[in-house]
Protein backbone atom coordinates (compact mmCIF):
# COMPACT_ATOMS: atom_id res chain seq x y z
CA MET A 1 45.30 17.94 279.68
CA LYS A 2 44.83 19.61 276.76
CA LEU A 3 46.60 18.72 273.95
CA ARG A 4 48.26 21.27 271.50
CA ARG A 5 47.61 21.55 268.01
CA ARG A 6 50.22 22.71 265.96
CA LYS A 7 49.55 24.77 263.65
CA PRO A 8 51.34 23.52 260.02
CA ARG A 9 54.35 25.15 259.35
CA HIS A 10 54.37 27.05 255.93
CA GLY A 11 58.22 27.57 255.64
CA GLU A 12 60.50 26.08 252.85
CA ASP A 13 60.78 22.30 253.98
CA GLY A 14 60.73 20.51 249.74
CA ALA A 15 62.27 24.18 248.16
CA ALA A 16 65.61 21.95 247.60
CA LEU A 17 63.84 18.83 245.25
CA GLU A 18 62.38 22.47 243.59
CA LEU A 19 65.73 23.85 242.97
CA ALA A 20 67.15 20.29 242.08
CA LEU A 21 64.43 19.66 239.84
CA ILE A 22 64.99 22.91 237.86
CA PHE A 23 68.51 22.32 237.79
CA LEU A 24 68.50 18.99 236.00
CA THR A 25 66.17 20.69 233.75
CA ALA A 26 67.73 23.81 232.75
CA SER A 27 70.67 21.39 232.74
CA ALA A 28 69.19 18.74 230.61
CA PHE A 29 68.45 21.58 228.24
CA ALA A 30 72.00 23.21 227.60
CA VAL A 31 73.06 19.69 227.04
CA THR A 32 71.05 18.89 224.37
CA ALA A 33 71.80 22.40 222.72
CA LEU A 34 75.42 21.71 223.18
CA LEU A 35 74.83 18.59 221.79
CA GLY A 36 72.81 19.57 218.18
CA PHE A 37 75.74 22.32 217.88
CA ALA A 38 78.74 19.69 218.26
CA SER A 39 76.93 17.62 215.79
CA SER A 40 76.22 20.34 213.36
CA SER A 41 79.13 21.87 213.58
CA SER A 42 81.30 18.38 212.53
CA THR A 43 78.99 17.71 209.30
CA ALA A 44 80.36 21.80 208.17
CA THR A 45 83.80 20.18 209.35
CA VAL A 46 83.47 17.48 206.83
CA ILE A 47 82.61 19.46 204.05
CA THR A 48 84.89 22.28 204.52
CA ARG A 49 88.04 19.95 204.47
CA THR A 50 86.16 18.14 200.80
CA VAL A 51 85.35 21.02 199.30
CA ARG A 52 89.01 23.12 200.23
CA GLY A 53 90.81 19.67 199.42
CA SER A 54 89.46 19.44 195.80
CA ASP A 55 90.21 23.38 195.46
CA TYR A 56 93.49 22.35 196.12
CA ASP A 57 93.79 19.32 193.87
CA ALA A 58 92.90 21.81 191.28
CA ASP A 59 95.38 24.72 191.93
CA ALA A 60 98.02 21.53 192.32
CA ALA A 61 97.55 20.50 188.69
CA MET A 62 97.14 24.07 187.32
CA GLN A 63 100.29 25.15 188.63
CA ALA A 64 102.36 21.94 187.49
CA ALA A 65 100.89 22.26 183.97
CA ILE A 66 102.22 26.05 184.00
CA ALA A 67 105.06 24.39 184.99
CA THR A 68 105.38 21.98 182.13
CA LEU A 69 104.57 25.12 179.89
CA ARG A 70 106.48 26.94 181.47
CA ILE A 71 109.68 24.87 180.69
CA SER A 72 109.03 23.62 177.35
CA THR A 73 109.74 25.39 173.66
CA THR A 74 108.00 23.57 171.81
CA GLN A 75 104.11 23.81 173.38
CA GLY A 76 101.92 26.52 173.99
CA TYR A 77 101.51 27.46 169.94
CA VAL A 78 98.57 27.81 168.31
CA GLY A 79 98.22 23.65 166.79
CA ASN A 80 100.52 22.63 169.97
CA CYS A 81 99.60 23.36 173.56
CA LEU A 82 99.52 20.21 175.45
CA PRO A 83 97.78 18.15 172.65
CA SER A 84 95.97 15.31 174.62
CA GLY A 85 95.48 17.60 177.96
CA PHE A 86 97.84 17.32 180.70
CA THR A 87 96.76 14.73 183.88
CA PRO A 88 99.40 14.89 186.52
CA ALA A 89 100.51 11.69 188.53
CA PHE A 90 99.08 13.13 191.58
CA THR A 91 96.49 13.63 193.76
CA LEU A 92 96.80 14.54 197.00
CA ASN A 93 93.36 14.91 198.98
CA SER A 94 91.04 13.29 196.09
CA PRO A 95 91.92 10.53 194.54
CA ALA A 96 88.57 9.12 193.09
CA THR A 97 88.09 12.38 191.68
CA PRO A 98 91.44 12.67 188.89
CA LEU A 99 91.61 15.74 186.87
CA ARG A 100 93.31 16.59 183.64
CA VAL A 101 94.28 20.50 182.21
CA ASP A 102 93.42 20.80 178.97
CA CYS A 103 95.24 24.26 177.39
CA TYR A 104 93.75 26.79 174.89
CA PRO A 105 96.00 28.80 172.58
CA TYR A 106 96.04 32.12 171.38
CA SER A 107 97.97 33.93 168.83
CA ALA A 108 100.56 35.98 170.44
CA PRO A 109 103.79 38.07 169.49
CA SER A 110 106.90 36.68 168.84
CA LEU A 111 108.64 35.04 171.86
CA GLN A 112 105.43 35.45 173.88
CA ARG A 113 103.04 31.85 174.38
CA HIS A 114 99.09 33.15 174.93
CA VAL A 115 97.13 30.30 176.50
CA VAL A 116 93.80 29.09 178.80
CA LEU A 117 94.35 26.56 180.99
CA SER A 118 91.30 24.65 182.23
CA VAL A 119 90.86 21.84 184.97
CA CYS A 120 88.49 19.52 184.77
CA PRO A 121 87.75 16.32 186.17
CA SER A 122 88.90 13.32 183.84
CA SER A 123 85.79 12.07 182.76
CA VAL A 124 84.41 14.88 181.34
CA ALA A 125 85.37 14.80 177.80
CA ALA A 126 87.89 16.93 175.99
CA PRO A 127 88.14 19.58 175.46
CA CYS A 128 86.82 20.53 178.67
CA PRO A 129 83.24 22.54 178.32
CA ASN A 130 83.21 25.79 180.35
CA ALA A 131 80.18 24.56 182.85
CA SER A 132 82.53 21.87 183.64
CA ALA A 133 85.85 23.61 184.53
CA VAL A 134 86.86 23.23 188.03
CA LEU A 135 89.43 26.37 187.48
CA ARG A 136 90.54 28.63 184.48
CA ALA A 137 93.60 30.53 184.48
CA ASP A 138 94.70 33.00 181.37
CA VAL A 139 98.61 33.25 181.06
CA THR A 140 101.11 34.64 179.19
CA PHE A 141 104.58 32.80 179.32
CA PHE A 142 107.25 35.45 177.70
CA ASP A 143 110.40 32.83 175.52
CA ASP A 144 113.22 35.64 175.92
CA SER A 145 116.32 34.97 175.80
CA GLY A 146 117.43 38.24 177.65
CA THR A 147 115.06 37.57 180.71
CA GLY A 148 114.24 33.82 180.89
CA ARG A 149 111.19 32.60 180.68
CA ALA A 150 108.44 34.05 182.53
CA VAL A 151 105.14 33.72 183.10
CA GLN A 152 102.29 36.69 183.63
CA ILE A 153 99.07 35.19 184.91
CA ASN A 154 96.47 37.41 183.56
CA SER A 155 93.89 36.48 184.74
CA TRP A 156 92.87 33.16 187.64
CA SER A 157 89.22 31.69 188.76
CA ASN A 158 87.08 28.87 189.39
CA GLU A 159 83.99 28.64 187.99
C-alpha cells in the first residue's frame, strides 16, 4: 500500500490571528492619542478658567468703582478721587488675589469729572503703576441736573 503524502496547504490559515494583532495595535495607538488629547484639553480648560476668572474680577471691580464715583458728588475731582483707592468687598473667582481700583482725576469743564481708573492687585503699592495694571478705563462723568449723572467710557483696555 502506498501512502499518499499530503501537500501542505498555503491558504489563509492563521490570518485571523494576524488581523487581530494588527487591530489591537492600531486600537492601542488610537486610545493613547485620545488620552493625550483629553489630558491636554483638561489642562487648557483649567488655565482658561483661571485667567477668565481673574479678568471677570477686574471687570467687576472696575464697574463697582465707576458706580461708586457716579453716585458721588464729591469724588472724582482733582484732589479728591477715591483717596485710598476703591477696594471691593467681593472677590468672586480669585479670592487669593484681592484687587484695588486707583483713581487719577484730570481737570474737566464745569459739571464734568474726567478720571482714569486702574485696577491693580492690592499687594501693589499705590498709585498703581502702568506695568501692574490689570485693567484701565478712561471715564467722563457728566453731572448735569437736566440729564442726570451720565457716564461716558472713553476707553477700556486690559494691559
